[in-house]
Each structure stands twice: as structure tokens, then as C-alpha cells.
Amino acid sequence: MKKKIMNTKYIIVLFLLLGFTACNSPEDVLRDNNIPVPKEIILPDLTSGVADFSKYVSVGNSLTAGLSDGTLFLAAQKNAFPKILSEKFELAGGGAFTQPLVSDNFGGLALNGTRIEGFNPRFVTTGGAPQPLESVIGPVTVTTDIVLNNPTGPFNNMGVPGAKSFHVIAPGYGNLANLPLANPYFIRMTGNTPNASILELTMAQNPTFFTLWLGSNDILGYALTGGDGTNPITDQPTFDFAMTTIVNTLTSGGAKGVIANIPYVSDIPNFTTIPWDLLDPTDPDFESILPLIPTLNAQLYGPLNQIFTALGEPDRVNLLSADGPNPLLIHDETATDRSAEIAATLTPVLGAPTAGAFGAIFGKCRQAKPDDLILLAAGSQIGKPAPGLPAPVNVNGISYPLQDQLVLIPSEQAEIKTAVDNFNATIEAAAGQAGLAFVDANTLLSQLKDTGIASNNFILTSDLVTGGAFSLDGVHLTSRGYAIIANEFMKAIDAKYGSNFEASGNLVDIGAYPTNYSPLLQ
């Protein structure tokens, strides 16, 4: 069926004028007021081009699964970008689309009645900074249990939160017996074939069309741990082998598809929300440090400044100002270790044991600079006492350096950017060699940060809480953000396979999709 549309501005004017001339026809009203009568726009019928959407399967990680606000929950899953796509594909010959839906809108996972550590309910906002759901509405019972109530497949949405490239081809990744190495989200999906890989379960469905958005977790784990080494970046040969295997297998039966690349972490709000110079005693949030500044300068910042200056590093730690923003105090693993010099200088004043402890704490410290990225997780720790340390050298970011896992220093950012660029080269080459459509998600998310993206009456940005595109975890998208992604995938399909989702008026209205969900969502 062809779509017929009229320009919105004419509709508004027409309704206003009809209020005064209700007896005339709409066309007469426009002519009488010297307004051109708009021509009815008839859009073409939707066509799939050379794409076959009869069996669509999506492969990926949390961005494919629809994870939002730090977890999977029902409302967000139902607005995952593959689900949005499937509803449009259905209009062009697509079939049913089944997802491994969770059991509630709280989020989180349980194992035989006990909540799994690290798999918690969602974040919410009451107008300010993100908060855990339970801090707003009180304790909840997580009902999605990976032993007691797993859904039945096969699943068209094969997005598995936490999956890296090589996990997609790994047997046993969804086997309960392999915990903690197995993925609890994938355990819910494997059913009576616990050792089957994500790729095997995908191919068992004989897909005719697929989407593939993978690779973020190969880098994101490193970034979200501040580059401390506990979650390293996937090495290039492993990534190349995994992606080549996945793409070759997905296309082996003639399926067509779309592949998207990886965004820069410096473009997402988890790494851009907290400023490097957060400590502002004129800000109500930090005015409590104002009376402490003289003591901090006299007993900590002043002595450190003198020591570092004498060692040829005059700008490593400077005195705090009472009049405006001050840099956070951070640990820098690449800084010259001055533990011994600090201890030696302070031993006559503090005694050897205390001076030695002081040197160990501050030997690799420095004040943050504009090119440092502070992780969102630091927000709950800055200004709070560090566990197990005595006052006064125990206040995170002020009198105790923010530790490595909470900061991305420039050298770590450079590692990440190099990996993203190299991985994206592999992804784009794989798309080209296999004749697949390609979505440049990297550029798209950079636009969100730099200029925002206008769509209908909305401008989406990467600002946390208020930007509309990123959810409250600062990493994953809102439902509105996923709608933007779905539109970009459809545009790429149009360009490659001759479909006409855009020309036929079948891109989605992003305004129909929510941003932040209520804490009381049931």
C-alpha cells in the first residue's frame, strides 16, 4: 500500500484557518488566504530489493541484545534495534522474531534463587545522576533465574551481553557447568545444547539475512577497568580470525546482511561525564572541601609540590585553589615513581614507617590534566574515604589518588584508539569482501558527541541523562538511541540491496521510543 503524506506546516496552518472558516473546504480556505494548495505526496510501496528477510537473525553483544541502564530488562529488550528492524522487515516479507526475554523490568540475574554478583537491577534517575533502582524504590526480587526459568529457543536475537568476538565461536560459552567462565546471559539461550556456540545456534536457523555488530567488548573491558590489565584488549590475530570465521560462516549459505563497526570509547559518556577538574569549592557539591584547603595545602599538596619540583617535575602537583575548579588527584602508572624520594624527604618529620607509607601512596600520583578521562564509576567514590586507609590520606580524588581502574590516561587511550582503528579496518574489509552492507557506527557516535544528531523534532547527544541517546550506564543506548541505530541499518540496507525503507517512509519515528524509564516501571 502506498503512503500518502502532506507537509506538516500546511496541516498546522490549515487547522488554524478552518477554525475561522469552518463552512469551506480545506482547499478553498487555503486558496482564499493566498496559500498554495499542497500536492499530496504519494510514497512508493516498500520493497526488499534483493534482500530476503524471511529468516532474520541478529548476532552481537549487549548492543544487539538491547541492554540499557546497566542490564537487560523487558521494556528495553522489546525496543532492541534488531526487534525494531524485524518489525519493518515483516512488512517486506520477514518472519517472526523471537528474543530470549527476561522475566521482569527490574533487570539482574539470579542463580537458583540467589542473585548473581555483578548482575544487578537497572539504574534509574529521578532527575539527577543515575542511581541503582533499589536505592530509589527499595529492595526488589530478581526473577530472571538462569536455572529456574530459561526461555525456549531458537532465538532470532542472538545478542549476548558481554560477548567478545572469539566468544561467538567458542563452544561451552553457554554451559552452566562452566561458570564462572560461561556467560550467564548465554546460559539462558542454549537449552538442551549447552555446548553449542553462538554461531552454531545462529546457523542452525538457516538465516537468509543477518545483522552483525560485534567487537566493542574486545576493547571495552579494558577501558572499563581503566586499562589496569585485568581485562586486556583482544589481540589482533585473535580478533581477525574470529571476525573472518563469523562472516564467512554467516554468508556460507548465501545470506545477505549488515555489519557495523566499533565506536571510540572517548565518545561515550561513561568516559566523558566526570570532568578532570571536578574539585570546585564554589560548587555546592564540593563546598565542604573549602575549609580543608589550607590544611591540605600545608600538609599534602605543598610538601608534594616541593618534592616534585626539586626533582624536576614542577607541575605534577600544585596547590589547591579556593576560588574555582581544581584537578582530581590520580594515580598514573606511567609516572616516574618517586616513592623513595618522598619517603627519604619526610622521614625526619614523620618517622620512617609513616614516611614510607606516604611515599608508597603518593609515589606515582599527579593531578589530572584535560586529556585524562575519568570513568563514571569514579563518581560514587570521589570525596569518599578509601577503605582501609587512615585519615587524612584516604579521601578519593582529594587526599588519596584515584586508582588506575578509575582513570584512562593518555597512553591507555592511545592503545584503545589504535585497537579500535585496527579492528574497524578488519570489520570494513570483511564487509567489503563478503559484499555486505556497512554501518559506520564509529562516525555516528562521534556525531552524537560533537554536534548531536537531529531527527524529526529531536536532537540527540551523548550527554548522560539528558542527551537522549545513551542510557544511564553511560555505555549502552536508550531505546531512542537504538531506534536511531535501526534507521541507520535500514539506510545501509537500502544502499546495498536496493530496498527502499527510507524512500517508502518506513524509517521509524524516534520520538515514539523512550529515553529514561520510570523507577516504578512494572
Protein backbone atom coordinates (compact mmCIF):
# COMPACT_ATOMS: atom_id res chain seq x y z
CA MET A 1 0.00 0.00 0.00
CA LYS A 2 1.32 3.42 -0.95
CA LYS A 3 1.69 6.02 1.76
CA LYS A 4 0.16 9.47 1.29
CA ILE A 5 1.53 12.39 3.27
CA MET A 6 1.04 16.15 3.47
CA ASN A 7 3.65 18.64 4.66
CA THR A 8 3.26 19.21 8.41
CA LYS A 9 3.41 23.00 8.20
CA TYR A 10 0.42 23.05 5.85
CA ILE A 11 -1.57 20.83 8.19
CA ILE A 12 -0.98 23.21 11.10
CA VAL A 13 -1.92 26.29 9.08
CA LEU A 14 -4.96 24.54 7.70
CA PHE A 15 -6.33 23.65 11.11
CA LEU A 16 -5.87 27.20 12.35
CA LEU A 17 -7.71 28.65 9.38
CA LEU A 18 -10.50 26.09 9.49
CA GLY A 19 -11.30 27.32 12.98
CA PHE A 20 -12.39 30.60 11.42
CA THR A 21 -13.91 29.30 8.19
CA ALA A 22 -15.48 26.02 9.15
CA CYS A 23 -18.01 26.02 6.30
CA ASN A 24 -15.46 25.99 3.49
CA SER A 25 -13.47 23.10 2.09
CA PRO A 26 -9.79 22.89 3.15
CA GLU A 27 -8.62 23.66 -0.40
CA ASP A 28 -10.88 26.75 -0.62
CA VAL A 29 -9.62 28.01 2.71
CA LEU A 30 -6.01 27.81 1.54
CA ARG A 31 -6.77 29.50 -1.80
CA ASP A 32 -8.79 32.28 -0.14
CA ASN A 33 -5.79 33.04 2.08
CA ASN A 34 -3.30 33.04 -0.81
CA ILE A 35 -1.64 29.88 0.45
CA PRO A 36 -0.57 27.32 -2.16
CA VAL A 37 -2.56 24.11 -2.03
CA PRO A 38 -0.01 21.42 -1.21
CA LYS A 39 0.31 18.48 -3.50
CA GLU A 40 -0.34 15.13 -1.98
CA ILE A 41 2.90 13.16 -1.77
CA ILE A 42 2.47 9.50 -2.66
CA LEU A 43 5.31 7.35 -1.45
CA PRO A 44 6.29 4.15 -3.24
CA ASP A 45 5.44 0.72 -1.94
CA LEU A 46 8.03 -0.87 0.30
CA THR A 47 10.31 -3.31 -1.47
CA SER A 48 13.06 -5.53 -0.10
CA GLY A 49 15.23 -5.23 -3.20
CA VAL A 50 17.45 -8.30 -3.45
CA ALA A 51 17.38 -8.92 0.31
CA ASP A 52 15.43 -11.87 1.71
CA PHE A 53 14.17 -11.13 5.22
CA SER A 54 12.23 -14.36 5.67
CA LYS A 55 14.66 -15.62 8.34
CA TYR A 56 16.42 -12.73 10.02
CA VAL A 57 18.92 -13.42 12.82
CA SER A 58 20.93 -10.77 14.68
CA VAL A 59 24.38 -11.57 16.10
CA GLY A 60 26.27 -9.42 18.55
CA ASN A 61 26.73 -8.39 22.14
CA SER A 62 24.81 -6.18 24.58
CA LEU A 63 24.14 -3.53 21.92
CA THR A 64 22.31 -6.18 19.91
CA ALA A 65 20.55 -7.69 22.92
CA GLY A 66 19.04 -4.31 23.84
CA LEU A 67 20.85 -3.87 27.13
CA SER A 68 20.16 -0.47 28.67
CA ASP A 69 20.69 1.23 32.04
CA GLY A 70 23.22 -1.42 33.02
CA THR A 71 21.15 -4.56 32.49
CA LEU A 72 18.61 -6.38 30.34
CA PHE A 73 15.01 -5.64 31.27
CA LEU A 74 11.80 -6.35 29.40
CA ALA A 75 10.85 -2.88 28.21
CA ALA A 76 14.30 -2.17 26.78
CA GLN A 77 14.61 -5.62 25.18
CA LYS A 78 11.39 -5.02 23.30
CA ASN A 79 12.99 -1.90 21.84
CA ALA A 80 16.30 -3.53 20.88
CA PHE A 81 17.40 -2.37 17.45
CA PRO A 82 17.04 -5.88 15.89
CA LYS A 83 13.48 -6.06 17.21
CA ILE A 84 12.74 -2.67 15.65
CA LEU A 85 14.26 -3.89 12.38
CA SER A 86 12.27 -7.12 12.46
CA GLU A 87 9.01 -5.17 12.63
CA LYS A 88 9.98 -3.32 9.46
CA PHE A 89 11.31 -6.49 7.81
CA GLU A 90 7.95 -8.13 8.46
CA LEU A 91 6.41 -5.57 6.09
CA ALA A 92 8.83 -6.74 3.40
CA GLY A 93 8.50 -10.50 3.72
CA GLY A 94 10.14 -11.04 7.09
CA GLY A 95 9.02 -13.72 9.51
CA ALA A 96 8.58 -13.98 13.28
CA PHE A 97 11.34 -12.65 15.53
CA THR A 98 11.91 -14.37 18.88
CA GLN A 99 14.02 -12.94 21.68
CA PRO A 100 15.31 -14.52 24.93
CA LEU A 101 13.19 -12.20 27.04
CA VAL A 102 13.96 -11.74 30.71
CA SER A 103 11.26 -12.07 33.36
CA ASP A 104 10.84 -8.53 34.67
CA ASN A 105 11.58 -4.83 34.36
CA PHE A 106 13.95 -4.82 37.33
CA GLY A 107 16.82 -6.43 35.48
CA GLY A 108 19.58 -8.52 37.02
CA LEU A 109 20.12 -12.27 37.06
CA ALA A 110 19.76 -14.97 39.70
CA LEU A 111 21.21 -18.47 40.02
CA ASN A 112 18.81 -20.91 41.64
CA GLY A 113 17.21 -18.14 43.69
CA THR A 114 20.40 -16.27 44.60
CA ARG A 115 21.32 -13.03 42.85
CA ILE A 116 24.48 -13.35 40.75
CA GLU A 117 27.15 -10.89 41.85
CA GLY A 118 27.64 -8.12 39.32
CA PHE A 119 24.31 -8.78 37.55
CA ASN A 120 22.20 -6.21 39.33
CA PRO A 121 18.91 -4.38 38.69
CA ARG A 122 18.92 -1.35 36.41
CA PHE A 123 19.97 2.24 37.01
CA VAL A 124 17.30 4.92 37.21
CA THR A 125 17.12 8.68 37.55
CA THR A 126 14.77 10.93 39.47
CA GLY A 127 16.01 13.95 37.59
CA GLY A 128 19.66 13.90 38.65
CA ALA A 129 22.58 11.50 38.50
CA PRO A 130 21.93 7.80 37.82
CA GLN A 131 21.18 5.69 40.88
CA PRO A 132 20.68 1.97 41.47
CA LEU A 133 16.99 1.09 41.28
CA GLU A 134 16.94 -0.28 44.81
CA SER A 135 18.27 2.96 46.27
CA VAL A 136 15.11 4.63 44.95
CA ILE A 137 12.31 2.09 45.41
CA GLY A 138 13.85 -0.29 47.94
CA PRO A 139 14.78 -3.98 47.66
CA VAL A 140 13.46 -6.00 44.72
CA THR A 141 13.44 -9.69 43.93
CA VAL A 142 15.31 -10.52 40.74
CA THR A 143 13.10 -13.08 38.98
CA THR A 144 15.19 -13.89 35.89
CA ASP A 145 16.89 -17.11 37.02
CA ILE A 146 19.37 -18.94 34.76
CA VAL A 147 18.45 -22.27 36.38
CA LEU A 148 14.74 -21.96 37.09
CA ASN A 149 13.08 -20.15 34.17
CA ASN A 150 15.11 -20.04 30.98
CA PRO A 151 13.14 -19.31 27.77
CA THR A 152 12.86 -21.75 24.88
CA GLY A 153 14.63 -21.07 21.59
CA PRO A 154 15.61 -20.86 18.85
CA PHE A 155 16.16 -17.13 19.16
CA ASN A 156 16.41 -14.70 16.28
CA ASN A 157 18.15 -12.22 18.58
CA MET A 158 21.50 -13.86 19.31
CA GLY A 159 22.93 -10.79 21.02
CA VAL A 160 24.77 -11.88 24.18
CA PRO A 161 25.80 -9.15 26.63
CA GLY A 162 29.50 -9.38 27.45
CA ALA A 163 30.40 -11.44 24.39
CA LYS A 164 33.72 -10.70 22.72
CA SER A 165 34.46 -11.65 19.12
CA PHE A 166 36.02 -15.01 19.94
CA HIS A 167 33.20 -15.91 22.35
CA VAL A 168 30.82 -16.15 19.39
CA ILE A 169 32.70 -19.20 18.08
CA ALA A 170 33.58 -20.70 21.48
CA PRO A 171 31.88 -23.99 22.50
CA GLY A 172 30.70 -24.20 26.10
CA TYR A 173 30.30 -20.44 26.50
CA GLY A 174 26.67 -21.07 27.48
CA ASN A 175 27.17 -24.17 29.61
CA LEU A 176 26.06 -23.77 33.23
CA ALA A 177 28.74 -26.24 34.30
CA ASN A 178 31.42 -23.86 33.04
CA LEU A 179 30.62 -20.99 35.38
CA PRO A 180 32.25 -18.59 36.12
CA LEU A 181 33.83 -18.72 32.63
CA ALA A 182 30.47 -19.25 30.96
CA ASN A 183 28.20 -16.29 30.24
CA PRO A 184 25.01 -16.28 32.37
CA TYR A 185 23.06 -14.49 29.65
CA PHE A 186 24.03 -17.12 27.09
CA ILE A 187 23.26 -19.96 29.51
CA ARG A 188 19.64 -18.82 29.21
CA MET A 189 19.78 -19.40 25.45
CA THR A 190 21.48 -22.76 24.92
CA GLY A 191 18.66 -25.03 26.12
CA ASN A 192 19.39 -28.72 25.58
CA THR A 193 22.60 -27.97 23.64
CA PRO A 194 24.69 -26.33 26.36
CA ASN A 195 27.98 -26.61 24.48
CA ALA A 196 26.72 -25.07 21.26
CA SER A 197 28.37 -21.79 20.31
CA ILE A 198 26.54 -18.57 19.50
CA LEU A 199 27.47 -19.04 15.84
CA GLU A 200 26.27 -22.65 15.78
CA LEU A 201 22.87 -21.73 17.22
CA THR A 202 22.64 -18.93 14.68
CA MET A 203 23.44 -21.14 11.69
CA ALA A 204 21.04 -23.85 12.87
CA GLN A 205 18.26 -21.43 11.92
CA ASN A 206 19.45 -21.14 8.29
CA PRO A 207 19.32 -17.35 8.25
CA THR A 208 18.58 -15.58 4.97
CA PHE A 209 19.55 -12.19 6.41
CA PHE A 210 21.62 -11.13 9.41
CA THR A 211 22.95 -8.13 11.27
CA LEU A 212 26.35 -8.28 12.96
CA TRP A 213 27.51 -5.66 15.47
CA LEU A 214 30.43 -7.10 17.40
CA GLY A 215 33.83 -6.12 18.76
CA SER A 216 33.09 -3.42 21.31
CA ASN A 217 33.68 -5.77 24.23
CA ASP A 218 37.08 -6.75 22.85
CA ILE A 219 38.14 -3.23 23.84
CA LEU A 220 35.51 -2.02 26.28
CA GLY A 221 36.55 -4.42 29.04
CA TYR A 222 39.98 -2.85 29.06
CA ALA A 223 38.54 0.66 29.06
CA LEU A 224 36.01 0.00 31.83
CA THR A 225 38.80 -1.28 34.10
CA GLY A 226 40.85 1.84 33.49
CA GLY A 227 43.42 -0.11 31.50
CA ASP A 228 44.67 -1.76 34.68
CA GLY A 229 45.42 -5.01 32.83
CA THR A 230 42.75 -7.19 34.43
CA ASN A 231 40.70 -7.25 31.19
CA PRO A 232 43.13 -6.89 28.28
CA ILE A 233 42.32 -5.84 24.73
CA THR A 234 41.88 -8.83 22.42
CA ASP A 235 45.00 -9.36 20.32
CA GLN A 236 44.68 -8.56 16.64
CA PRO A 237 45.22 -12.10 15.24
CA THR A 238 42.50 -13.49 17.52
CA PHE A 239 40.07 -10.74 16.55
CA ASP A 240 40.83 -11.16 12.84
CA PHE A 241 40.37 -14.93 12.99
CA ALA A 242 37.09 -14.65 14.91
CA MET A 243 35.57 -11.99 12.65
CA THR A 244 36.65 -13.76 9.46
CA THR A 245 35.22 -17.05 10.71
CA ILE A 246 31.93 -15.43 11.74
CA VAL A 247 31.40 -13.52 8.50
CA ASN A 248 32.42 -16.45 6.28
CA THR A 249 30.09 -18.78 8.17
CA LEU A 250 27.13 -16.39 8.19
CA THR A 251 27.40 -15.90 4.42
CA SER A 252 28.17 -19.53 3.56
CA GLY A 253 24.54 -20.29 2.73
CA GLY A 254 24.05 -17.19 0.63
CA ALA A 255 22.65 -14.97 3.36
CA LYS A 256 22.97 -11.22 2.97
CA GLY A 257 23.47 -8.88 5.89
CA VAL A 258 24.75 -5.72 7.52
CA ILE A 259 27.85 -5.31 9.67
CA ALA A 260 28.65 -2.32 11.90
CA ASN A 261 31.96 -1.14 13.31
CA ILE A 262 33.13 -0.11 16.79
CA PRO A 263 32.81 3.37 18.33
CA TYR A 264 35.62 5.17 20.15
CA VAL A 265 35.27 4.92 23.92
CA SER A 266 36.15 8.61 24.16
CA ASP A 267 32.79 9.34 22.51
CA ILE A 268 30.62 7.66 25.13
CA PRO A 269 29.52 9.35 28.37
CA ASN A 270 30.97 6.74 30.71
CA PHE A 271 34.32 8.36 29.97
CA THR A 272 33.33 11.97 29.32
CA THR A 273 30.82 12.89 32.04
CA ILE A 274 33.12 13.48 35.01
CA PRO A 275 35.48 16.42 34.42
CA TRP A 276 39.16 16.17 35.25
CA ASP A 277 38.92 19.36 37.35
CA LEU A 278 35.86 18.36 39.35
CA LEU A 279 37.03 19.71 42.71
CA ASP A 280 35.43 23.14 42.84
CA PRO A 281 34.90 24.57 46.34
CA THR A 282 32.48 27.14 44.87
CA ASP A 283 30.23 24.26 43.73
CA PRO A 284 27.64 23.21 46.35
CA ASP A 285 28.62 19.58 45.79
CA PHE A 286 32.20 20.28 46.90
CA GLU A 287 31.90 23.32 49.14
CA SER A 288 32.75 21.10 52.11
CA ILE A 289 36.38 20.99 50.96
CA LEU A 290 36.74 24.79 51.23
CA PRO A 291 37.72 24.85 54.92
CA LEU A 292 40.08 21.90 54.33
CA ILE A 293 42.11 23.58 51.60
CA PRO A 294 44.60 25.37 53.90
CA THR A 295 45.35 22.10 55.72
CA LEU A 296 45.55 20.08 52.50
CA ASN A 297 47.94 22.63 51.01
CA ALA A 298 50.08 22.79 54.13
CA GLN A 299 50.27 19.06 54.87
CA LEU A 300 49.91 17.33 51.49
CA TYR A 301 49.91 19.40 48.30
CA GLY A 302 52.60 21.81 49.45
CA PRO A 303 55.13 19.14 50.52
CA LEU A 304 54.44 17.08 47.37
CA ASN A 305 54.86 20.14 45.18
CA GLN A 306 58.19 20.94 46.81
CA ILE A 307 59.47 17.39 46.42
CA PHE A 308 58.36 17.01 42.79
CA THR A 309 59.67 20.47 41.90
CA ALA A 310 63.07 19.66 43.40
CA LEU A 311 63.09 16.52 41.23
CA GLY A 312 62.35 18.48 38.04
CA GLU A 313 58.56 17.96 37.90
CA PRO A 314 57.16 21.35 38.98
CA ASP A 315 53.62 20.87 37.60
CA ARG A 316 52.97 17.37 38.83
CA VAL A 317 51.11 18.53 41.97
CA ASN A 318 50.13 22.16 42.58
CA LEU A 319 48.38 23.87 45.47
CA LEU A 320 44.59 23.79 45.60
CA SER A 321 42.66 26.97 44.87
CA ALA A 322 39.73 28.19 46.93
CA ASP A 323 38.35 30.22 44.03
CA GLY A 324 37.49 27.68 41.34
CA PRO A 325 37.94 24.18 39.88
CA ASN A 326 40.86 22.01 40.95
CA PRO A 327 42.19 18.85 39.30
CA LEU A 328 41.47 15.46 40.79
CA LEU A 329 44.41 13.65 42.33
CA ILE A 330 45.10 10.45 40.36
CA HIS A 331 47.49 7.51 40.21
CA ASP A 332 49.47 7.36 36.95
CA GLU A 333 51.20 4.06 36.29
CA THR A 334 53.47 5.76 33.74
CA ALA A 335 54.65 8.49 36.11
CA THR A 336 58.18 8.34 37.48
CA ASP A 337 57.99 6.52 40.80
CA ARG A 338 59.08 8.96 43.50
CA SER A 339 58.21 6.74 46.47
CA ALA A 340 61.80 6.53 47.72
CA GLU A 341 62.44 10.25 47.42
CA ILE A 342 59.17 11.14 49.19
CA ALA A 343 59.94 8.71 51.99
CA ALA A 344 63.51 10.00 52.40
CA THR A 345 62.40 13.64 52.47
CA LEU A 346 59.65 13.09 55.02
CA THR A 347 61.39 10.60 57.31
CA PRO A 348 62.93 13.33 59.56
CA VAL A 349 59.46 14.80 60.08
CA LEU A 350 57.17 11.75 60.11
CA GLY A 351 59.48 8.91 61.01
CA ALA A 352 60.48 6.09 58.70
CA PRO A 353 57.33 3.90 58.85
CA THR A 354 54.87 6.75 58.22
CA ALA A 355 57.10 8.39 55.61
CA GLY A 356 57.46 5.05 53.82
CA ALA A 357 53.69 4.58 53.72
CA PHE A 358 53.29 8.15 52.49
CA GLY A 359 55.79 7.50 49.72
CA ALA A 360 54.02 4.31 48.67
CA ILE A 361 50.68 6.11 48.36
CA PHE A 362 51.89 9.19 46.50
CA GLY A 363 54.96 7.95 44.64
CA LYS A 364 53.09 7.72 41.32
CA CYS A 365 50.46 10.37 41.92
CA ARG A 366 49.82 13.51 39.94
CA GLN A 367 46.97 15.91 39.37
CA ALA A 368 44.70 15.15 36.43
CA LYS A 369 45.05 17.01 33.13
CA PRO A 370 42.46 17.89 30.45
CA ASP A 371 43.44 14.83 28.40
CA ASP A 372 42.71 12.36 31.20
CA LEU A 373 39.36 10.52 31.15
CA ILE A 374 37.67 9.83 34.47
CA LEU A 375 35.38 6.79 34.47
CA LEU A 376 31.76 7.15 35.53
CA ALA A 377 32.36 4.61 38.30
CA ALA A 378 34.62 7.15 39.99
CA GLY A 379 31.60 9.37 40.65
CA SER A 380 30.46 7.22 43.57
CA GLN A 381 33.95 7.27 45.10
CA ILE A 382 35.28 10.81 44.70
CA GLY A 383 35.22 12.57 48.05
CA LYS A 384 34.52 9.30 49.89
CA PRO A 385 37.01 7.54 52.20
CA ALA A 386 39.10 4.81 50.60
CA PRO A 387 38.57 1.57 52.58
CA GLY A 388 41.35 0.53 54.95
CA LEU A 389 43.25 3.80 54.91
CA PRO A 390 43.64 6.23 57.79
CA ALA A 391 42.57 9.87 57.68
CA PRO A 392 43.61 12.29 56.37
CA VAL A 393 45.22 10.47 53.40
CA ASN A 394 42.10 8.48 52.50
CA VAL A 395 39.70 10.73 50.58
CA ASN A 396 39.42 9.51 46.99
CA GLY A 397 40.50 12.04 44.42
CA ILE A 398 41.42 14.63 47.04
CA SER A 399 43.87 13.26 49.58
CA TYR A 400 44.16 9.78 48.07
CA PRO A 401 44.83 9.28 44.35
CA LEU A 402 42.06 7.81 42.23
CA GLN A 403 43.39 4.39 41.38
CA ASP A 404 44.27 3.02 37.95
CA GLN A 405 40.93 1.28 37.35
CA LEU A 406 39.06 4.62 37.55
CA VAL A 407 41.12 6.66 35.09
CA LEU A 408 42.17 6.36 31.45
CA ILE A 409 45.42 8.22 30.99
CA PRO A 410 46.54 9.36 27.51
CA SER A 411 48.78 6.35 26.85
CA GLU A 412 45.89 3.98 27.62
CA GLN A 413 43.58 5.99 25.39
CA ALA A 414 46.14 5.72 22.60
CA GLU A 415 46.20 1.91 22.99
CA ILE A 416 42.43 1.83 22.77
CA LYS A 417 42.23 4.10 19.72
CA THR A 418 44.84 2.03 17.89
CA ALA A 419 42.91 -1.15 18.64
CA VAL A 420 39.60 0.40 17.53
CA ASP A 421 41.13 1.61 14.27
CA ASN A 422 42.73 -1.77 13.55
CA PHE A 423 39.60 -3.74 14.46
CA ASN A 424 37.44 -1.42 12.36
CA ALA A 425 39.75 -1.94 9.39
CA THR A 426 39.17 -5.69 9.77
CA ILE A 427 35.39 -5.20 10.03
CA GLU A 428 35.12 -2.94 7.00
CA ALA A 429 37.35 -5.22 4.93
CA ALA A 430 35.23 -8.23 5.90
CA ALA A 431 32.08 -6.38 4.89
CA GLY A 432 33.60 -5.44 1.54
CA GLN A 433 34.92 -8.89 0.76
CA ALA A 434 31.62 -10.55 1.60
CA GLY A 435 29.52 -7.96 -0.22
CA LEU A 436 27.71 -6.87 2.94
CA ALA A 437 26.09 -3.57 3.81
CA PHE A 438 28.12 -1.49 6.24
CA VAL A 439 27.17 0.90 9.07
CA ASP A 440 29.82 3.32 10.30
CA ALA A 441 28.72 3.36 13.95
CA ASN A 442 32.03 4.92 14.89
CA THR A 443 31.29 8.10 12.94
CA LEU A 444 27.67 8.09 14.04
CA LEU A 445 28.54 8.07 17.75
CA SER A 446 31.22 10.69 17.21
CA GLN A 447 28.50 12.91 15.76
CA LEU A 448 26.42 12.38 18.88
CA LYS A 449 29.29 13.75 20.95
CA ASP A 450 30.45 16.56 18.67
CA THR A 451 27.30 18.06 17.19
CA GLY A 452 24.36 15.89 18.15
CA ILE A 453 22.09 14.17 15.64
CA ALA A 454 18.83 15.80 14.59
CA SER A 455 15.87 13.56 13.84
CA ASN A 456 12.37 14.94 13.42
CA ASN A 457 11.94 17.35 16.34
CA PHE A 458 14.72 15.86 18.45
CA ILE A 459 18.43 16.47 18.76
CA LEU A 460 20.15 13.52 20.39
CA THR A 461 23.54 14.00 22.06
CA SER A 462 25.90 11.86 24.11
CA ASP A 463 25.18 13.78 27.33
CA LEU A 464 24.36 11.46 30.21
CA VAL A 465 20.73 11.54 31.43
CA THR A 466 19.66 14.49 29.26
CA GLY A 467 21.13 13.67 25.84
CA GLY A 468 18.53 11.06 24.93
CA ALA A 469 20.88 8.65 23.12
CA PHE A 470 22.83 6.95 25.93
CA SER A 471 21.28 5.12 28.82
CA LEU A 472 22.15 5.65 32.46
CA ASP A 473 25.14 3.30 32.46
CA GLY A 474 26.93 5.68 30.10
CA VAL A 475 27.84 2.84 27.69
CA HIS A 476 24.69 1.40 26.16
CA LEU A 477 21.95 3.20 24.27
CA THR A 478 18.46 4.23 25.24
CA SER A 479 15.51 2.84 23.31
CA ARG A 480 15.54 6.08 21.34
CA GLY A 481 19.24 5.58 20.66
CA TYR A 482 18.57 2.06 19.42
CA ALA A 483 15.86 3.48 17.13
CA ILE A 484 18.47 5.77 15.55
CA ILE A 485 20.69 2.70 15.02
CA ALA A 486 17.81 0.78 13.43
CA ASN A 487 17.29 3.64 10.97
CA GLU A 488 20.98 3.66 10.06
CA PHE A 489 20.87 -0.08 9.42
CA MET A 490 17.85 0.36 7.14
CA LYS A 491 19.60 3.14 5.22
CA ALA A 492 22.61 0.86 4.73
CA ILE A 493 20.35 -1.97 3.53
CA ASP A 494 18.70 0.41 1.06
CA ALA A 495 22.08 1.47 -0.30
CA LYS A 496 23.43 -2.05 -0.70
CA TYR A 497 20.47 -4.23 -1.58
CA GLY A 498 18.06 -1.90 -3.35
CA SER A 499 15.35 -1.87 -0.70
CA ASN A 500 13.56 1.41 -0.03
CA PHE A 501 12.81 1.66 3.67
CA GLU A 502 13.70 5.35 3.66
CA ALA A 503 12.06 6.33 0.39
CA SER A 504 8.84 4.50 1.28
CA GLY A 505 8.57 6.30 4.62
CA ASN A 506 9.39 3.22 6.69
CA LEU A 507 12.18 4.57 8.86
CA VAL A 508 10.99 4.69 12.46
CA ASP A 509 9.95 7.83 14.29
CA ILE A 510 12.49 8.02 17.10
CA GLY A 511 10.08 10.13 19.13
CA ALA A 512 7.96 7.01 19.58
CA TYR A 513 10.73 5.46 21.69
CA PRO A 514 11.51 6.41 25.30
CA THR A 515 14.76 7.59 26.81
CA ASN A 516 14.73 7.18 30.58
CA TYR A 517 12.34 4.63 32.12
CA SER A 518 10.49 5.35 35.34
CA PRO A 519 11.78 3.73 38.55
CA LEU A 520 8.22 2.47 39.02
CA LEU A 521 8.10 0.69 35.65
CA GLN A 522 6.34 -2.64 36.16
